[in-house]
Amino acid sequence: MEKPRWASRISKRTILVIINLMKVIIELFGASRDFSDQNSLELDIENGSSIKDVRNKILDYLDINFKGNENFIKIVNSSAFCSNDNIISDNYKITNNEKIAIIPPIGGG
């Protein structure tokens, strides 16, 4: 039995979306450890995403899981991010399998 045309189109589009996503693990330090029972957050991001995109994904996560907790939002907005022990800017493009850490300011934001 042959598949309807729309079924082929949907599966091709779905595959394209999956290929364009990568997982990034954000290691949590300091006050950001309150964001999860784990010591990290795992996020799906698009290939070519920047730290700014990750920051926005974390804010979305907080909005869903903590009803937009204002203190948590301040922590994310004032935190630095690092990779390979180097502070990275919001313009920094993330590569696949890269370890990223969020480092809140002393005092939690």
C-alpha atoms as a PDB file:
ATOM      1  CA  MET A   1       0.000   0.000   0.000  1.00  0.00           C
ATOM      2  CA  GLU A   2       1.375   3.390  -0.999  1.00  0.00           C
ATOM      3  CA  LYS A   3       1.658   6.268   1.470  1.00  0.00           C
ATOM      4  CA  PRO A   4      -0.368   9.386   0.766  1.00  0.00           C
ATOM      5  CA  ARG A   5       1.726  12.304  -0.526  1.00  0.00           C
ATOM      6  CA  TRP A   6       1.157  14.384   2.596  1.00  0.00           C
ATOM      7  CA  ALA A   7       2.634  11.629   4.790  1.00  0.00           C
ATOM      8  CA  SER A   8       5.920  11.757   2.884  1.00  0.00           C
ATOM      9  CA  ARG A   9       6.076  15.533   3.144  1.00  0.00           C
ATOM     10  CA  ILE A  10       5.398  15.510   6.873  1.00  0.00           C
ATOM     11  CA  SER A  11       8.062  12.922   7.623  1.00  0.00           C
ATOM     12  CA  LYS A  12      10.671  14.789   5.529  1.00  0.00           C
ATOM     13  CA  ARG A  13       9.915  18.027   7.358  1.00  0.00           C
ATOM     14  CA  THR A  14      10.039  16.282  10.720  1.00  0.00           C
ATOM     15  CA  ILE A  15      13.452  14.844   9.901  1.00  0.00           C
ATOM     16  CA  LEU A  16      14.732  18.281   8.900  1.00  0.00           C
ATOM     17  CA  VAL A  17      13.589  19.748  12.200  1.00  0.00           C
ATOM     18  CA  ILE A  18      15.256  16.963  14.179  1.00  0.00           C
ATOM     19  CA  ILE A  19      18.519  17.344  12.253  1.00  0.00           C
ATOM     20  CA  ASN A  20      18.581  21.081  12.965  1.00  0.00           C
ATOM     21  CA  LEU A  21      18.380  20.531  16.737  1.00  0.00           C
ATOM     22  CA  MET A  22      21.116  19.650  19.156  1.00  0.00           C
ATOM     23  CA  LYS A  23      21.115  19.041  22.867  1.00  0.00           C
ATOM     24  CA  VAL A  24      23.125  21.250  25.137  1.00  0.00           C
ATOM     25  CA  ILE A  25      23.769  20.556  28.791  1.00  0.00           C
ATOM     26  CA  ILE A  26      24.035  23.621  30.979  1.00  0.00           C
ATOM     27  CA  GLU A  27      25.942  22.952  34.182  1.00  0.00           C
ATOM     28  CA  LEU A  28      24.412  24.867  37.087  1.00  0.00           C
ATOM     29  CA  PHE A  29      26.494  26.650  39.691  1.00  0.00           C
ATOM     30  CA  GLY A  30      25.688  28.814  42.697  1.00  0.00           C
ATOM     31  CA  ALA A  31      22.117  30.076  42.946  1.00  0.00           C
ATOM     32  CA  SER A  32      21.231  28.583  39.542  1.00  0.00           C
ATOM     33  CA  ARG A  33      21.328  25.107  41.125  1.00  0.00           C
ATOM     34  CA  ASP A  34      17.817  25.875  42.403  1.00  0.00           C
ATOM     35  CA  PHE A  35      16.593  25.598  38.783  1.00  0.00           C
ATOM     36  CA  SER A  36      16.768  21.790  38.843  1.00  0.00           C
ATOM     37  CA  ASP A  37      17.117  18.767  41.120  1.00  0.00           C
ATOM     38  CA  GLN A  38      20.053  17.839  38.900  1.00  0.00           C
ATOM     39  CA  ASN A  39      23.255  19.840  38.639  1.00  0.00           C
ATOM     40  CA  SER A  40      22.404  20.644  35.037  1.00  0.00           C
ATOM     41  CA  LEU A  41      19.666  21.489  32.546  1.00  0.00           C
ATOM     42  CA  GLU A  42      19.368  19.724  29.208  1.00  0.00           C
ATOM     43  CA  LEU A  43      17.963  21.919  26.453  1.00  0.00           C
ATOM     44  CA  ASP A  44      17.172  21.359  22.782  1.00  0.00           C
ATOM     45  CA  ILE A  45      18.541  24.219  20.714  1.00  0.00           C
ATOM     46  CA  GLU A  46      18.890  24.857  17.003  1.00  0.00           C
ATOM     47  CA  ASN A  47      22.253  24.432  15.332  1.00  0.00           C
ATOM     48  CA  GLY A  48      24.031  27.769  15.231  1.00  0.00           C
ATOM     49  CA  SER A  49      22.404  28.987  18.452  1.00  0.00           C
ATOM     50  CA  SER A  50      24.183  31.519  20.606  1.00  0.00           C
ATOM     51  CA  ILE A  51      24.448  31.976  24.356  1.00  0.00           C
ATOM     52  CA  LYS A  52      21.725  34.613  24.030  1.00  0.00           C
ATOM     53  CA  ASP A  53      19.426  31.891  22.610  1.00  0.00           C
ATOM     54  CA  VAL A  54      20.336  29.588  25.513  1.00  0.00           C
ATOM     55  CA  ARG A  55      19.647  32.383  27.989  1.00  0.00           C
ATOM     56  CA  ASN A  56      16.169  32.779  26.406  1.00  0.00           C
ATOM     57  CA  LYS A  57      15.567  28.993  26.528  1.00  0.00           C
ATOM     58  CA  ILE A  58      16.409  28.991  30.237  1.00  0.00           C
ATOM     59  CA  LEU A  59      13.998  31.892  30.793  1.00  0.00           C
ATOM     60  CA  ASP A  60      11.272  29.911  28.961  1.00  0.00           C
ATOM     61  CA  TYR A  61      12.048  26.895  31.161  1.00  0.00           C
ATOM     62  CA  LEU A  62      11.751  29.048  34.296  1.00  0.00           C
ATOM     63  CA  ASP A  63       8.471  30.540  33.099  1.00  0.00           C
ATOM     64  CA  ILE A  64       7.005  27.056  32.644  1.00  0.00           C
ATOM     65  CA  ASN A  65       8.477  25.350  35.704  1.00  0.00           C
ATOM     66  CA  PHE A  66       8.613  28.209  38.211  1.00  0.00           C
ATOM     67  CA  LYS A  67       5.829  30.514  36.967  1.00  0.00           C
ATOM     68  CA  GLY A  68       8.305  33.214  35.987  1.00  0.00           C
ATOM     69  CA  ASN A  69      10.008  33.450  39.394  1.00  0.00           C
ATOM     70  CA  GLU A  70      11.444  36.999  39.285  1.00  0.00           C
ATOM     71  CA  ASN A  71      14.491  36.121  41.393  1.00  0.00           C
ATOM     72  CA  PHE A  72      15.392  33.261  39.040  1.00  0.00           C
ATOM     73  CA  ILE A  73      14.936  35.557  36.029  1.00  0.00           C
ATOM     74  CA  LYS A  74      17.323  38.094  37.600  1.00  0.00           C
ATOM     75  CA  ILE A  75      19.855  35.322  38.169  1.00  0.00           C
ATOM     76  CA  VAL A  76      19.758  34.265  34.512  1.00  0.00           C
ATOM     77  CA  ASN A  77      19.918  37.825  33.192  1.00  0.00           C
ATOM     78  CA  SER A  78      22.924  38.705  35.366  1.00  0.00           C
ATOM     79  CA  SER A  79      24.847  35.435  34.973  1.00  0.00           C
ATOM     80  CA  ALA A  80      27.961  34.768  32.956  1.00  0.00           C
ATOM     81  CA  PHE A  81      28.374  31.656  30.837  1.00  0.00           C
ATOM     82  CA  CYS A  82      31.576  29.745  30.271  1.00  0.00           C
ATOM     83  CA  SER A  83      32.954  27.000  28.072  1.00  0.00           C
ATOM     84  CA  ASN A  84      36.294  25.268  28.563  1.00  0.00           C
ATOM     85  CA  ASP A  85      36.997  27.484  31.581  1.00  0.00           C
ATOM     86  CA  ASN A  86      36.591  30.670  29.507  1.00  0.00           C
ATOM     87  CA  ILE A  87      33.866  33.272  29.936  1.00  0.00           C
ATOM     88  CA  ILE A  88      31.884  33.530  26.701  1.00  0.00           C
ATOM     89  CA  SER A  89      29.719  36.373  25.385  1.00  0.00           C
ATOM     90  CA  ASP A  90      26.049  36.284  24.428  1.00  0.00           C
ATOM     91  CA  ASN A  91      27.125  36.248  20.739  1.00  0.00           C
ATOM     92  CA  TYR A  92      29.145  33.045  21.191  1.00  0.00           C
ATOM     93  CA  LYS A  93      27.919  30.241  18.873  1.00  0.00           C
ATOM     94  CA  ILE A  94      27.538  26.870  20.551  1.00  0.00           C
ATOM     95  CA  THR A  95      28.891  23.732  18.913  1.00  0.00           C
ATOM     96  CA  ASN A  96      27.571  20.220  19.307  1.00  0.00           C
ATOM     97  CA  ASN A  97      28.661  18.349  22.465  1.00  0.00           C
ATOM     98  CA  GLU A  98      30.061  21.494  24.048  1.00  0.00           C
ATOM     99  CA  LYS A  99      29.851  21.834  27.813  1.00  0.00           C
ATOM    100  CA  ILE A 100      28.405  25.172  28.896  1.00  0.00           C
ATOM    101  CA  ALA A 101      28.108  26.437  32.475  1.00  0.00           C
ATOM    102  CA  ILE A 102      26.011  29.237  33.923  1.00  0.00           C
ATOM    103  CA  ILE A 103      27.762  31.180  36.669  1.00  0.00           C
ATOM    104  CA  PRO A 104      25.550  33.536  38.689  1.00  0.00           C
ATOM    105  CA  PRO A 105      27.108  36.572  40.331  1.00  0.00           C
ATOM    106  CA  ILE A 106      28.035  36.242  43.991  1.00  0.00           C
ATOM    107  CA  GLY A 107      24.910  36.912  46.019  1.00  0.00           C
ATOM    108  CA  GLY A 108      22.588  35.345  43.411  1.00  0.00           C
ATOM    109  CA  GLY A 109      21.851  38.312  41.176  1.00  0.00           C
END
